[in-house]
Amino acid sequence: VRAVAAGMGGAVLQESVNATAMVPSDASGSAPVAPSPVLSTARRGNSGYLTLAIPSAKLDQALDQLAEIGAVVQRASGAKDVTATYVDVESRMATKKASIDRVRALMTQAKDIQQIVAIESELASREAELESLQAQLAALSSQVSMSSVTIALSSNPDAIVAEDSPGFMSGLKTGWAAFLTSVRVALTVL
């Protein structure tokens, strides 16, 4: 998995490996660790969960190579549209740049030290806001250019058996078991 990520120009962002026959637990050892919000099945022993960042242009190719590593048990995909946010940040950057240019023009017209200090303070504040917007735009660009892939690997694919969900048949089974227990108790008392 690491080789596929590196070969595609990506990286491993997060990794969790369990090489025991037990279900992974948290640091206190009390509760099973949820593998991932994306993955719904916890696995026993010899398992791992990796989150990769793969260039979006190579996502399909990476998924094909990852599928060759083993049997694909579950696959889900989703997309998050950041177009509106991207356009908003670009627009705010353009407005902030124009505002900085106006403040710089005012700087040339300042007549005393107090005005210069006030204008410089305002200019510094606006330049800091512009840098923040530029950082947001860079982060959005990286979100667009990279795709996040979460992978669960297991050499022992026995899934943890979920308890019966409450329903008519489950209630009927529970009721029958309770009835048999009551009959046994009554016969023992007799």
N, C-alpha and C. Protein backbone atom coordinates (compact mmCIF):
# COMPACT_ATOMS: atom_id res chain seq x y z
N VAL A 1 0.84 -1.19 0.00
CA VAL A 1 0.00 0.00 0.00
C VAL A 1 0.88 1.25 0.00
N ARG A 2 1.94 1.21 0.83
CA ARG A 2 2.86 2.35 0.86
C ARG A 2 3.51 2.56 -0.51
N ALA A 3 3.90 1.47 -1.16
CA ALA A 3 4.56 1.56 -2.47
C ALA A 3 3.61 2.15 -3.52
N VAL A 4 2.35 1.75 -3.47
CA VAL A 4 1.37 2.30 -4.42
C VAL A 4 1.21 3.79 -4.18
N ALA A 5 1.08 4.19 -2.91
CA ALA A 5 0.92 5.61 -2.59
C ALA A 5 2.13 6.41 -3.07
N ALA A 6 3.33 5.91 -2.77
CA ALA A 6 4.55 6.61 -3.18
C ALA A 6 4.69 6.64 -4.70
N GLY A 7 4.34 5.55 -5.35
CA GLY A 7 4.42 5.48 -6.81
C GLY A 7 3.49 6.45 -7.51
N MET A 8 2.41 6.80 -6.85
CA MET A 8 1.43 7.75 -7.42
C MET A 8 1.74 9.19 -7.04
N GLY A 9 2.80 9.39 -6.24
CA GLY A 9 3.12 10.74 -5.79
C GLY A 9 2.32 11.13 -4.56
N GLY A 10 1.79 10.14 -3.85
CA GLY A 10 1.00 10.41 -2.65
C GLY A 10 1.78 10.10 -1.39
N ALA A 11 1.05 10.00 -0.29
CA ALA A 11 1.68 9.74 1.00
C ALA A 11 0.70 9.06 1.94
N VAL A 12 1.23 8.39 2.97
CA VAL A 12 0.40 7.80 4.01
C VAL A 12 0.17 8.88 5.06
N LEU A 13 -1.10 9.22 5.31
CA LEU A 13 -1.43 10.27 6.27
C LEU A 13 -1.65 9.71 7.67
N GLN A 14 -2.21 8.50 7.74
CA GLN A 14 -2.53 7.89 9.02
C GLN A 14 -2.43 6.39 8.88
N GLU A 15 -2.00 5.72 9.97
CA GLU A 15 -1.83 4.27 9.90
C GLU A 15 -2.11 3.67 11.27
N SER A 16 -2.81 2.53 11.27
CA SER A 16 -3.05 1.77 12.49
C SER A 16 -2.90 0.30 12.13
N VAL A 17 -2.02 -0.42 12.84
CA VAL A 17 -1.76 -1.82 12.54
C VAL A 17 -2.03 -2.66 13.78
N ASN A 18 -2.71 -3.80 13.60
CA ASN A 18 -2.99 -4.73 14.69
C ASN A 18 -2.50 -6.10 14.25
N ALA A 19 -1.51 -6.64 14.93
CA ALA A 19 -0.95 -7.93 14.56
C ALA A 19 -1.17 -8.95 15.68
N THR A 20 -2.37 -8.96 16.24
CA THR A 20 -2.72 -9.93 17.28
C THR A 20 -4.03 -10.59 16.92
N ALA A 21 -4.41 -11.58 17.69
CA ALA A 21 -5.69 -12.25 17.44
C ALA A 21 -6.84 -11.52 18.10
N MET A 22 -6.54 -10.41 18.78
CA MET A 22 -7.58 -9.67 19.48
C MET A 22 -8.04 -8.48 18.65
N VAL A 23 -9.24 -8.00 18.95
CA VAL A 23 -9.76 -6.81 18.32
C VAL A 23 -9.00 -5.61 18.87
N PRO A 24 -8.57 -4.65 18.02
CA PRO A 24 -7.84 -3.49 18.51
C PRO A 24 -8.67 -2.73 19.56
N SER A 25 -8.00 -2.17 20.58
CA SER A 25 -8.69 -1.38 21.59
C SER A 25 -7.98 -0.05 21.75
N ASP A 26 -8.61 0.83 22.52
CA ASP A 26 -7.99 2.14 22.74
C ASP A 26 -6.84 2.00 23.73
N ALA A 27 -6.17 3.10 24.06
CA ALA A 27 -4.98 3.07 24.91
C ALA A 27 -5.26 2.47 26.29
N SER A 28 -6.48 2.65 26.80
CA SER A 28 -6.80 2.11 28.12
C SER A 28 -7.12 0.63 28.06
N GLY A 29 -7.31 0.10 26.85
CA GLY A 29 -7.61 -1.31 26.67
C GLY A 29 -9.06 -1.64 26.94
N SER A 30 -9.91 -0.62 27.05
CA SER A 30 -11.28 -0.90 27.45
C SER A 30 -12.26 -1.09 26.30
N ALA A 31 -12.15 -0.33 25.26
CA ALA A 31 -13.17 -0.39 24.22
C ALA A 31 -12.53 -0.64 22.86
N PRO A 32 -13.24 -1.37 22.00
CA PRO A 32 -12.71 -1.58 20.65
C PRO A 32 -12.54 -0.26 19.92
N VAL A 33 -11.49 -0.17 19.14
CA VAL A 33 -11.22 1.02 18.36
C VAL A 33 -12.07 0.97 17.10
N ALA A 34 -12.77 2.04 16.81
CA ALA A 34 -13.52 2.11 15.57
C ALA A 34 -12.52 2.26 14.44
N PRO A 35 -12.58 1.42 13.42
CA PRO A 35 -11.58 1.46 12.37
C PRO A 35 -11.55 2.78 11.63
N SER A 36 -12.69 3.30 11.28
CA SER A 36 -12.75 4.53 10.52
C SER A 36 -14.21 4.89 10.38
N PRO A 37 -14.54 6.19 10.30
CA PRO A 37 -15.93 6.53 10.08
C PRO A 37 -16.43 6.04 8.72
N VAL A 38 -15.51 5.82 7.79
CA VAL A 38 -15.88 5.37 6.45
C VAL A 38 -16.14 3.86 6.44
N LEU A 39 -15.34 3.11 7.20
CA LEU A 39 -15.42 1.66 7.18
C LEU A 39 -16.30 1.18 8.31
N SER A 40 -17.26 0.28 8.02
CA SER A 40 -18.23 -0.11 9.02
C SER A 40 -17.93 -1.46 9.67
N THR A 41 -16.96 -2.21 9.18
CA THR A 41 -16.69 -3.53 9.73
C THR A 41 -15.35 -3.55 10.43
N ALA A 42 -15.37 -3.92 11.72
CA ALA A 42 -14.11 -4.08 12.45
C ALA A 42 -13.60 -5.48 12.15
N ARG A 43 -12.30 -5.68 12.12
CA ARG A 43 -11.72 -6.98 11.80
C ARG A 43 -10.88 -7.48 12.96
N ARG A 44 -10.74 -8.80 13.07
CA ARG A 44 -9.92 -9.42 14.11
C ARG A 44 -8.53 -9.69 13.57
N GLY A 45 -7.54 -9.43 14.39
CA GLY A 45 -6.16 -9.84 14.16
C GLY A 45 -5.56 -9.49 12.81
N ASN A 46 -4.26 -9.32 12.79
CA ASN A 46 -3.49 -9.08 11.57
C ASN A 46 -4.22 -8.15 10.60
N SER A 47 -4.50 -6.99 11.08
CA SER A 47 -5.23 -6.04 10.25
C SER A 47 -4.57 -4.67 10.33
N GLY A 48 -4.93 -3.84 9.41
CA GLY A 48 -4.41 -2.48 9.41
C GLY A 48 -5.36 -1.54 8.71
N TYR A 49 -5.32 -0.29 9.11
CA TYR A 49 -6.11 0.76 8.49
C TYR A 49 -5.16 1.86 8.09
N LEU A 50 -5.21 2.26 6.84
CA LEU A 50 -4.32 3.31 6.35
C LEU A 50 -5.16 4.37 5.65
N THR A 51 -4.78 5.61 5.84
CA THR A 51 -5.39 6.71 5.11
C THR A 51 -4.30 7.31 4.24
N LEU A 52 -4.58 7.37 2.95
CA LEU A 52 -3.61 7.85 1.97
C LEU A 52 -4.08 9.16 1.34
N ALA A 53 -3.13 9.96 0.93
CA ALA A 53 -3.41 11.13 0.09
C ALA A 53 -2.84 10.79 -1.28
N ILE A 54 -3.72 10.72 -2.26
CA ILE A 54 -3.34 10.36 -3.64
C ILE A 54 -3.71 11.53 -4.56
N PRO A 55 -2.83 11.91 -5.49
CA PRO A 55 -3.20 12.95 -6.45
C PRO A 55 -4.51 12.58 -7.17
N SER A 56 -5.44 13.51 -7.22
CA SER A 56 -6.77 13.25 -7.78
C SER A 56 -6.70 12.71 -9.20
N ALA A 57 -5.76 13.19 -9.99
CA ALA A 57 -5.63 12.75 -11.38
C ALA A 57 -5.25 11.27 -11.47
N LYS A 58 -4.66 10.71 -10.43
CA LYS A 58 -4.21 9.32 -10.45
C LYS A 58 -5.05 8.42 -9.54
N LEU A 59 -6.19 8.92 -9.08
CA LEU A 59 -7.00 8.17 -8.12
C LEU A 59 -7.47 6.83 -8.67
N ASP A 60 -8.05 6.82 -9.86
CA ASP A 60 -8.55 5.56 -10.43
C ASP A 60 -7.43 4.54 -10.61
N GLN A 61 -6.29 4.98 -11.10
CA GLN A 61 -5.15 4.10 -11.29
C GLN A 61 -4.68 3.54 -9.94
N ALA A 62 -4.64 4.38 -8.91
CA ALA A 62 -4.23 3.94 -7.58
C ALA A 62 -5.22 2.92 -7.02
N LEU A 63 -6.51 3.17 -7.19
CA LEU A 63 -7.52 2.23 -6.69
C LEU A 63 -7.41 0.87 -7.38
N ASP A 64 -7.13 0.88 -8.68
CA ASP A 64 -6.93 -0.38 -9.41
C ASP A 64 -5.73 -1.14 -8.86
N GLN A 65 -4.63 -0.43 -8.61
CA GLN A 65 -3.43 -1.10 -8.07
C GLN A 65 -3.68 -1.60 -6.65
N LEU A 66 -4.40 -0.84 -5.85
CA LEU A 66 -4.70 -1.26 -4.48
C LEU A 66 -5.62 -2.48 -4.47
N ALA A 67 -6.53 -2.58 -5.43
CA ALA A 67 -7.45 -3.72 -5.51
C ALA A 67 -6.69 -5.01 -5.82
N GLU A 68 -5.53 -4.90 -6.45
CA GLU A 68 -4.73 -6.09 -6.78
C GLU A 68 -4.03 -6.67 -5.55
N ILE A 69 -3.96 -5.92 -4.45
CA ILE A 69 -3.29 -6.39 -3.24
C ILE A 69 -4.06 -7.52 -2.59
N GLY A 70 -5.36 -7.48 -2.66
CA GLY A 70 -6.19 -8.51 -2.03
C GLY A 70 -7.62 -8.41 -2.53
N ALA A 71 -8.50 -9.15 -1.89
CA ALA A 71 -9.91 -9.14 -2.27
C ALA A 71 -10.58 -7.87 -1.73
N VAL A 72 -11.30 -7.18 -2.59
CA VAL A 72 -12.02 -5.98 -2.18
C VAL A 72 -13.33 -6.44 -1.54
N VAL A 73 -13.52 -6.13 -0.26
CA VAL A 73 -14.71 -6.54 0.47
C VAL A 73 -15.76 -5.44 0.44
N GLN A 74 -15.32 -4.22 0.56
CA GLN A 74 -16.24 -3.09 0.59
C GLN A 74 -15.56 -1.91 -0.09
N ARG A 75 -16.33 -1.16 -0.86
CA ARG A 75 -15.76 0.02 -1.51
C ARG A 75 -16.83 1.10 -1.55
N ALA A 76 -16.47 2.28 -1.10
CA ALA A 76 -17.38 3.42 -1.11
C ALA A 76 -16.60 4.65 -1.53
N SER A 77 -17.25 5.56 -2.20
CA SER A 77 -16.57 6.79 -2.60
C SER A 77 -17.53 7.96 -2.42
N GLY A 78 -16.95 9.12 -2.29
CA GLY A 78 -17.74 10.34 -2.13
C GLY A 78 -16.93 11.53 -2.59
N ALA A 79 -17.60 12.63 -2.77
CA ALA A 79 -16.93 13.84 -3.22
C ALA A 79 -17.47 15.02 -2.42
N LYS A 80 -16.61 16.00 -2.23
CA LYS A 80 -17.01 17.22 -1.55
C LYS A 80 -16.71 18.37 -2.49
N ASP A 81 -17.74 19.13 -2.84
CA ASP A 81 -17.57 20.25 -3.76
C ASP A 81 -17.14 21.49 -2.99
N VAL A 82 -15.95 21.98 -3.28
CA VAL A 82 -15.42 23.17 -2.61
C VAL A 82 -15.37 24.36 -3.57
N THR A 83 -16.07 24.25 -4.69
CA THR A 83 -16.04 25.31 -5.70
C THR A 83 -16.52 26.64 -5.13
N ALA A 84 -17.66 26.64 -4.43
CA ALA A 84 -18.21 27.88 -3.90
C ALA A 84 -17.25 28.52 -2.90
N THR A 85 -16.65 27.71 -2.04
CA THR A 85 -15.70 28.22 -1.05
C THR A 85 -14.47 28.79 -1.75
N TYR A 86 -13.99 28.08 -2.78
CA TYR A 86 -12.81 28.51 -3.53
C TYR A 86 -13.07 29.87 -4.19
N VAL A 87 -14.21 30.00 -4.85
CA VAL A 87 -14.56 31.24 -5.53
C VAL A 87 -14.72 32.37 -4.52
N ASP A 88 -15.33 32.08 -3.37
CA ASP A 88 -15.52 33.08 -2.32
C ASP A 88 -14.17 33.59 -1.81
N VAL A 89 -13.25 32.68 -1.54
CA VAL A 89 -11.94 33.08 -1.04
C VAL A 89 -11.19 33.88 -2.10
N GLU A 90 -11.27 33.48 -3.36
CA GLU A 90 -10.62 34.24 -4.44
C GLU A 90 -11.19 35.65 -4.52
N SER A 91 -12.51 35.77 -4.41
CA SER A 91 -13.16 37.08 -4.48
C SER A 91 -12.75 37.96 -3.30
N ARG A 92 -12.70 37.38 -2.10
CA ARG A 92 -12.28 38.15 -0.92
C ARG A 92 -10.82 38.57 -1.03
N MET A 93 -10.00 37.72 -1.66
CA MET A 93 -8.59 38.09 -1.88
C MET A 93 -8.48 39.29 -2.82
N ALA A 94 -9.25 39.28 -3.90
CA ALA A 94 -9.21 40.39 -4.85
C ALA A 94 -9.66 41.69 -4.18
N THR A 95 -10.70 41.59 -3.36
CA THR A 95 -11.19 42.77 -2.64
C THR A 95 -10.14 43.27 -1.65
N LYS A 96 -9.49 42.35 -0.95
CA LYS A 96 -8.48 42.72 0.04
C LYS A 96 -7.27 43.38 -0.65
N LYS A 97 -6.86 42.86 -1.83
CA LYS A 97 -5.74 43.45 -2.57
C LYS A 97 -6.07 44.89 -2.98
N ALA A 98 -7.30 45.10 -3.46
CA ALA A 98 -7.71 46.45 -3.86
C ALA A 98 -7.72 47.38 -2.65
N SER A 99 -8.17 46.87 -1.52
CA SER A 99 -8.19 47.66 -0.28
C SER A 99 -6.77 48.03 0.15
N ILE A 100 -5.85 47.10 0.04
CA ILE A 100 -4.44 47.38 0.39
C ILE A 100 -3.87 48.45 -0.53
N ASP A 101 -4.20 48.37 -1.81
CA ASP A 101 -3.71 49.39 -2.76
C ASP A 101 -4.25 50.77 -2.38
N ARG A 102 -5.53 50.84 -1.97
CA ARG A 102 -6.10 52.14 -1.57
C ARG A 102 -5.41 52.68 -0.31
N VAL A 103 -5.13 51.79 0.65
CA VAL A 103 -4.46 52.22 1.88
C VAL A 103 -3.04 52.70 1.56
N ARG A 104 -2.36 52.05 0.65
CA ARG A 104 -1.01 52.49 0.27
C ARG A 104 -1.06 53.87 -0.41
N ALA A 105 -2.12 54.08 -1.20
CA ALA A 105 -2.28 55.40 -1.83
C ALA A 105 -2.50 56.47 -0.77
N LEU A 106 -3.26 56.12 0.28
CA LEU A 106 -3.47 57.08 1.37
C LEU A 106 -2.17 57.38 2.11
N MET A 107 -1.27 56.40 2.16
CA MET A 107 0.01 56.57 2.85
C MET A 107 0.79 57.72 2.22
N THR A 108 0.72 57.85 0.91
CA THR A 108 1.48 58.93 0.24
C THR A 108 0.88 60.30 0.54
N GLN A 109 -0.38 60.32 0.97
CA GLN A 109 -1.05 61.59 1.25
C GLN A 109 -1.02 61.95 2.74
N ALA A 110 -0.44 61.11 3.57
CA ALA A 110 -0.40 61.38 5.02
C ALA A 110 0.43 62.62 5.29
N LYS A 111 -0.03 63.43 6.26
CA LYS A 111 0.61 64.71 6.53
C LYS A 111 1.42 64.73 7.82
N ASP A 112 1.07 63.85 8.78
CA ASP A 112 1.83 63.85 10.03
C ASP A 112 2.05 62.41 10.51
N ILE A 113 2.81 62.27 11.59
CA ILE A 113 3.20 60.97 12.12
C ILE A 113 1.99 60.16 12.56
N GLN A 114 1.02 60.81 13.21
CA GLN A 114 -0.16 60.09 13.68
C GLN A 114 -0.90 59.43 12.52
N GLN A 115 -1.07 60.15 11.44
CA GLN A 115 -1.74 59.58 10.27
C GLN A 115 -0.93 58.43 9.70
N ILE A 116 0.40 58.58 9.63
CA ILE A 116 1.26 57.52 9.09
C ILE A 116 1.16 56.26 9.95
N VAL A 117 1.20 56.43 11.28
CA VAL A 117 1.11 55.28 12.19
C VAL A 117 -0.25 54.59 12.03
N ALA A 118 -1.32 55.36 11.98
CA ALA A 118 -2.67 54.79 11.84
C ALA A 118 -2.81 54.04 10.51
N ILE A 119 -2.28 54.63 9.45
CA ILE A 119 -2.38 54.00 8.13
C ILE A 119 -1.52 52.74 8.08
N GLU A 120 -0.31 52.80 8.66
CA GLU A 120 0.55 51.61 8.69
C GLU A 120 -0.09 50.47 9.48
N SER A 121 -0.75 50.80 10.57
CA SER A 121 -1.45 49.79 11.37
C SER A 121 -2.57 49.15 10.55
N GLU A 122 -3.31 49.96 9.87
CA GLU A 122 -4.41 49.45 9.03
C GLU A 122 -3.86 48.60 7.88
N LEU A 123 -2.76 49.05 7.29
CA LEU A 123 -2.13 48.31 6.20
C LEU A 123 -1.64 46.94 6.68
N ALA A 124 -1.01 46.91 7.85
CA ALA A 124 -0.51 45.64 8.40
C ALA A 124 -1.67 44.69 8.67
N SER A 125 -2.76 45.21 9.20
CA SER A 125 -3.94 44.38 9.49
C SER A 125 -4.50 43.78 8.19
N ARG A 126 -4.62 44.59 7.17
CA ARG A 126 -5.17 44.11 5.89
C ARG A 126 -4.23 43.12 5.20
N GLU A 127 -2.93 43.35 5.33
CA GLU A 127 -1.96 42.42 4.73
C GLU A 127 -2.00 41.07 5.45
N ALA A 128 -2.20 41.09 6.76
CA ALA A 128 -2.33 39.83 7.52
C ALA A 128 -3.58 39.07 7.09
N GLU A 129 -4.68 39.80 6.89
CA GLU A 129 -5.92 39.16 6.42
C GLU A 129 -5.71 38.57 5.03
N LEU A 130 -4.98 39.27 4.16
CA LEU A 130 -4.70 38.76 2.82
C LEU A 130 -3.87 37.48 2.89
N GLU A 131 -2.87 37.46 3.76
CA GLU A 131 -2.05 36.26 3.91
C GLU A 131 -2.88 35.08 4.40
N SER A 132 -3.82 35.35 5.31
CA SER A 132 -4.71 34.30 5.80
C SER A 132 -5.58 33.75 4.66
N LEU A 133 -6.09 34.64 3.83
CA LEU A 133 -6.90 34.21 2.69
C LEU A 133 -6.05 33.40 1.70
N GLN A 134 -4.81 33.81 1.50
CA GLN A 134 -3.92 33.06 0.60
C GLN A 134 -3.66 31.66 1.15
N ALA A 135 -3.51 31.53 2.46
CA ALA A 135 -3.31 30.22 3.08
C ALA A 135 -4.56 29.36 2.91
N GLN A 136 -5.74 29.96 3.07
CA GLN A 136 -6.99 29.22 2.87
C GLN A 136 -7.10 28.73 1.43
N LEU A 137 -6.72 29.59 0.49
CA LEU A 137 -6.78 29.21 -0.92
C LEU A 137 -5.81 28.08 -1.22
N ALA A 138 -4.62 28.13 -0.63
CA ALA A 138 -3.64 27.05 -0.83
C ALA A 138 -4.17 25.74 -0.26
N ALA A 139 -4.81 25.80 0.91
CA ALA A 139 -5.38 24.59 1.51
C ALA A 139 -6.49 24.02 0.64
N LEU A 140 -7.34 24.88 0.09
CA LEU A 140 -8.41 24.42 -0.80
C LEU A 140 -7.81 23.80 -2.07
N SER A 141 -6.76 24.41 -2.58
CA SER A 141 -6.11 23.87 -3.78
C SER A 141 -5.55 22.48 -3.51
N SER A 142 -4.99 22.27 -2.31
CA SER A 142 -4.46 20.95 -2.00
C SER A 142 -5.58 19.94 -1.82
N GLN A 143 -6.74 20.38 -1.29
CA GLN A 143 -7.89 19.48 -1.19
C GLN A 143 -8.35 19.03 -2.57
N VAL A 144 -8.31 19.94 -3.51
CA VAL A 144 -8.75 19.62 -4.87
C VAL A 144 -7.74 18.72 -5.56
N SER A 145 -6.46 18.94 -5.29
CA SER A 145 -5.44 18.20 -6.01
C SER A 145 -5.19 16.80 -5.42
N MET A 146 -5.57 16.57 -4.16
CA MET A 146 -5.33 15.28 -3.52
C MET A 146 -6.65 14.65 -3.09
N SER A 147 -6.73 13.34 -3.23
CA SER A 147 -7.89 12.58 -2.78
C SER A 147 -7.49 11.75 -1.57
N SER A 148 -8.39 11.63 -0.64
CA SER A 148 -8.14 10.84 0.57
C SER A 148 -8.73 9.44 0.36
N VAL A 149 -7.92 8.41 0.64
CA VAL A 149 -8.34 7.03 0.48
C VAL A 149 -8.08 6.31 1.80
N THR A 150 -9.12 5.67 2.37
CA THR A 150 -8.96 4.89 3.59
C THR A 150 -9.07 3.42 3.23
N ILE A 151 -8.09 2.64 3.67
CA ILE A 151 -8.00 1.23 3.31
C ILE A 151 -7.95 0.39 4.57
N ALA A 152 -8.71 -0.70 4.58
CA ALA A 152 -8.63 -1.68 5.67
C ALA A 152 -8.06 -2.95 5.08
N LEU A 153 -6.98 -3.43 5.68
CA LEU A 153 -6.35 -4.67 5.23
C LEU A 153 -6.44 -5.70 6.35
N SER A 154 -6.67 -6.97 5.97
CA SER A 154 -6.74 -8.02 6.98
C SER A 154 -6.31 -9.34 6.37
N SER A 155 -5.43 -10.07 7.10
CA SER A 155 -5.07 -11.40 6.64
C SER A 155 -6.01 -12.43 7.26
N ASN A 156 -6.85 -11.99 8.18
CA ASN A 156 -7.85 -12.83 8.82
C ASN A 156 -9.19 -12.10 8.68
N PRO A 157 -9.92 -12.38 7.62
CA PRO A 157 -11.10 -11.57 7.33
C PRO A 157 -12.35 -11.91 8.13
N ASP A 158 -12.20 -12.58 9.28
CA ASP A 158 -13.38 -12.87 10.08
C ASP A 158 -13.90 -11.58 10.68
N ALA A 159 -15.06 -11.21 10.26
CA ALA A 159 -15.66 -9.98 10.78
C ALA A 159 -16.23 -10.25 12.16
N ILE A 160 -16.23 -9.24 12.99
CA ILE A 160 -16.85 -9.36 14.30
C ILE A 160 -18.35 -9.47 14.08
N VAL A 161 -18.97 -10.48 14.68
CA VAL A 161 -20.39 -10.72 14.47
C VAL A 161 -21.18 -9.71 15.28
N ALA A 162 -22.06 -9.03 14.60
CA ALA A 162 -22.90 -8.04 15.27
C ALA A 162 -24.04 -8.76 15.98
N GLU A 163 -24.46 -8.21 17.11
CA GLU A 163 -25.59 -8.79 17.84
C GLU A 163 -26.85 -8.58 17.03
N ASP A 164 -27.83 -9.48 17.25
CA ASP A 164 -29.10 -9.36 16.54
C ASP A 164 -29.72 -8.01 16.83
N SER A 165 -30.25 -7.42 15.79
CA SER A 165 -30.92 -6.15 15.98
C SER A 165 -32.32 -6.40 16.52
N PRO A 166 -32.83 -5.49 17.33
CA PRO A 166 -34.17 -5.71 17.87
C PRO A 166 -35.18 -5.72 16.73
N GLY A 167 -36.05 -6.67 16.77
CA GLY A 167 -37.08 -6.82 15.75
C GLY A 167 -38.01 -7.94 16.17
N PHE A 168 -38.96 -8.27 15.33
CA PHE A 168 -39.96 -9.28 15.68
C PHE A 168 -39.32 -10.64 15.94
N MET A 169 -38.46 -11.10 15.02
CA MET A 169 -37.85 -12.43 15.18
C MET A 169 -36.92 -12.47 16.39
N SER A 170 -36.19 -11.40 16.61
CA SER A 170 -35.31 -11.34 17.77
C SER A 170 -36.13 -11.37 19.06
N GLY A 171 -37.22 -10.65 19.08
CA GLY A 171 -38.11 -10.65 20.24
C GLY A 171 -38.73 -12.01 20.48
N LEU A 172 -39.09 -12.68 19.39
CA LEU A 172 -39.68 -14.02 19.49
C LEU A 172 -38.65 -14.99 20.07
N LYS A 173 -37.42 -14.94 19.60
CA LYS A 173 -36.35 -15.81 20.12
C LYS A 173 -36.11 -15.54 21.60
N THR A 174 -36.04 -14.27 21.98
CA THR A 174 -35.81 -13.90 23.37
C THR A 174 -36.97 -14.36 24.24
N GLY A 175 -38.18 -14.18 23.77
CA GLY A 175 -39.37 -14.62 24.50
C GLY A 175 -39.39 -16.13 24.69
N TRP A 176 -39.06 -16.88 23.65
CA TRP A 176 -39.03 -18.34 23.73
C TRP A 176 -37.98 -18.80 24.73
N ALA A 177 -36.78 -18.17 24.70
CA ALA A 177 -35.73 -18.52 25.65
C ALA A 177 -36.17 -18.22 27.07
N ALA A 178 -36.86 -17.10 27.29
CA ALA A 178 -37.35 -16.76 28.62
C ALA A 178 -38.41 -17.74 29.07
N PHE A 179 -39.29 -18.16 28.17
CA PHE A 179 -40.33 -19.14 28.50
C PHE A 179 -39.69 -20.46 28.93
N LEU A 180 -38.71 -20.94 28.16
CA LEU A 180 -38.04 -22.20 28.51
C LEU A 180 -37.33 -22.09 29.86
N THR A 181 -36.72 -20.96 30.13
CA THR A 181 -36.06 -20.75 31.42
C THR A 181 -37.09 -20.79 32.55
N SER A 182 -38.24 -20.16 32.34
CA SER A 182 -39.31 -20.17 33.35
C SER A 182 -39.81 -21.58 33.61
N VAL A 183 -39.98 -22.37 32.56
CA VAL A 183 -40.44 -23.76 32.71
C VAL A 183 -39.41 -24.56 33.49
N ARG A 184 -38.12 -24.38 33.20
CA ARG A 184 -37.07 -25.09 33.92
C ARG A 184 -37.09 -24.73 35.41
N VAL A 185 -37.23 -23.43 35.70
CA VAL A 185 -37.28 -22.98 37.09
C VAL A 185 -38.49 -23.58 37.80
N ALA A 186 -39.65 -23.56 37.13
CA ALA A 186 -40.88 -24.11 37.73
C ALA A 186 -40.72 -25.61 38.00
N LEU A 187 -40.13 -26.35 37.05
CA LEU A 187 -39.93 -27.78 37.23
C LEU A 187 -38.94 -28.05 38.36
N THR A 188 -37.91 -27.22 38.47
CA THR A 188 -36.93 -27.38 39.54
C THR A 188 -37.58 -27.14 40.90
N VAL A 189 -38.42 -26.11 41.00
CA VAL A 189 -39.12 -25.82 42.24
C VAL A 189 -40.04 -26.97 42.61
N LEU A 190 -40.75 -27.53 41.62
CA LEU A 190 -41.65 -28.65 41.87
C LEU A 190 -40.85 -29.84 42.36
